[in-house]
Amino acid sequence: MDERKKDQEKELIEIERQSVIVLKNTFSDIKEVNIEKTGHNKATGSYRMFVDVTGNNGETAKFTYSFWKERDEIGSYGIVNSNVQKEGITASKVKVTYSDGKEGEV
C-alpha cells in the first residue's frame, strides 16, 4: 500500500473519531458506536457515516448521519430508536469500532 493511501485511511479514521465526539454531544447515554462504513461526497464535502449505536440501556439503533469536518457538525440523521437516540450529551467514554475494524475510546 502506498503512503498516500495510508494517509487517506488515517485521515478517514480521524474524521470518524471527530464525528463520534459530535455524536456524543448530540445524544445522551451512548455506550458504544460501531462505524460500519463511511462515504465521502466530494461535491458537498460531507461524510456519510453508517453506524450501529448502543445505548446504556442495551438497545441498539442502526442509522446513518452526515458529518461536516470543516464545520465540526452533524447534519441530517433519522431517528430509528428514540430509546437510544435521546437528545442530550454523553459525558462518559464511548467504545468505538472504526470502519477499519480497529477499536478505541472517545
Protein backbone atom coordinates (compact mmCIF):
# COMPACT_ATOMS: atom_id res chain seq x y z
CA MET A 1 0.00 0.00 0.00
CA ASP A 2 1.44 3.36 -0.91
CA GLU A 3 1.90 6.21 1.57
CA ARG A 4 -0.87 8.36 0.10
CA LYS A 5 -3.45 5.62 0.60
CA LYS A 6 -2.24 5.06 4.19
CA ASP A 7 -2.53 8.79 4.87
CA GLN A 8 -6.06 8.85 3.41
CA GLU A 9 -7.10 5.94 5.64
CA LYS A 10 -5.59 7.65 8.70
CA GLU A 11 -7.45 10.85 7.86
CA LEU A 12 -10.73 8.96 7.44
CA ILE A 13 -10.36 7.33 10.87
CA GLU A 14 -9.65 10.74 12.40
CA ILE A 15 -12.79 12.13 10.72
CA GLU A 16 -14.79 9.20 12.11
CA ARG A 17 -13.36 9.93 15.58
CA GLN A 18 -14.29 13.61 15.30
CA SER A 19 -17.81 12.69 14.22
CA VAL A 20 -18.27 10.43 17.27
CA ILE A 21 -17.31 13.36 19.52
CA VAL A 22 -20.06 15.44 17.90
CA LEU A 23 -22.44 12.45 18.13
CA LYS A 24 -21.74 12.32 21.87
CA ASN A 25 -22.74 16.00 22.06
CA THR A 26 -25.98 15.20 20.21
CA PHE A 27 -27.27 12.08 22.01
CA SER A 28 -27.19 11.14 25.69
CA ASP A 29 -26.38 7.76 27.24
CA ILE A 30 -24.35 6.32 24.33
CA LYS A 31 -22.33 3.27 25.32
CA GLU A 32 -20.88 2.12 22.01
CA VAL A 33 -20.61 3.21 18.36
CA ASN A 34 -19.80 0.78 15.57
CA ILE A 35 -18.99 2.54 12.29
CA GLU A 36 -19.77 0.06 9.52
CA LYS A 37 -18.60 2.28 6.67
CA THR A 38 -18.09 5.88 5.70
CA GLY A 39 -18.71 7.57 2.39
CA HIS A 40 -17.44 10.95 1.20
CA ASN A 41 -19.41 13.30 -1.03
CA LYS A 42 -16.78 15.39 -2.79
CA ALA A 43 -19.39 17.82 -4.15
CA THR A 44 -20.67 18.84 -0.69
CA GLY A 45 -17.60 17.93 1.36
CA SER A 46 -19.75 15.91 3.74
CA TYR A 47 -19.21 12.40 5.03
CA ARG A 48 -21.98 9.83 5.49
CA MET A 49 -21.47 7.52 8.47
CA PHE A 50 -23.28 4.17 8.61
CA VAL A 51 -23.43 3.23 12.30
CA ASP A 52 -24.84 0.95 14.96
CA VAL A 53 -25.19 2.87 18.22
CA THR A 54 -25.77 1.05 21.50
CA GLY A 55 -27.20 2.91 24.44
CA ASN A 56 -26.51 2.36 28.14
CA ASN A 57 -29.88 0.56 28.23
CA GLY A 58 -28.53 -2.15 25.87
CA GLU A 59 -30.76 -1.19 22.95
CA THR A 60 -29.28 -0.51 19.52
CA ALA A 61 -30.11 1.90 16.71
CA LYS A 62 -28.81 1.36 13.17
CA PHE A 63 -28.82 4.61 11.19
CA THR A 64 -26.76 6.99 9.08
CA TYR A 65 -25.74 10.57 9.68
CA SER A 66 -23.91 13.22 7.73
CA PHE A 67 -20.87 14.99 9.14
CA TRP A 68 -19.03 18.10 8.00
CA LYS A 69 -15.40 18.08 9.11
CA GLU A 70 -14.87 21.78 8.38
CA ARG A 71 -17.89 22.82 10.44
CA ASP A 72 -17.43 20.05 13.01
CA GLU A 73 -21.15 19.34 12.94
CA ILE A 74 -23.64 16.62 12.21
CA GLY A 75 -26.23 17.32 9.56
CA SER A 76 -29.10 15.00 8.84
CA TYR A 77 -29.92 11.76 10.61
CA GLY A 78 -33.04 9.69 11.04
CA ILE A 79 -34.46 8.66 14.40
CA VAL A 80 -34.94 4.89 14.36
CA ASN A 81 -34.96 4.21 18.11
CA SER A 82 -35.84 7.06 20.44
CA ASN A 83 -34.70 4.97 23.43
CA VAL A 84 -31.13 5.16 22.06
CA GLN A 85 -31.21 8.43 20.12
CA LYS A 86 -32.13 10.68 23.05
CA GLU A 87 -31.25 14.33 22.70
CA GLY A 88 -28.54 15.36 25.13
CA ILE A 89 -24.87 14.85 25.91
CA THR A 90 -22.89 11.70 26.69
CA ALA A 91 -20.19 12.69 29.16
CA SER A 92 -18.73 9.21 29.70
CA LYS A 93 -16.25 7.43 27.45
CA VAL A 94 -17.74 5.61 24.46
CA LYS A 95 -16.30 2.46 22.89
CA VAL A 96 -15.82 2.96 19.14
CA THR A 97 -15.20 0.41 16.42
CA TYR A 98 -13.97 2.27 13.35
CA SER A 99 -14.64 1.31 9.74
CA ASP A 100 -11.20 -0.33 9.52
CA GLY A 101 -12.12 -2.68 12.39
CA LYS A 102 -9.86 -1.05 14.97
CA GLU A 103 -11.29 -0.16 18.36
CA GLY A 104 -10.81 2.79 20.64
CA GLU A 105 -12.49 5.07 23.13
CA VAL A 106 -13.72 8.61 22.70
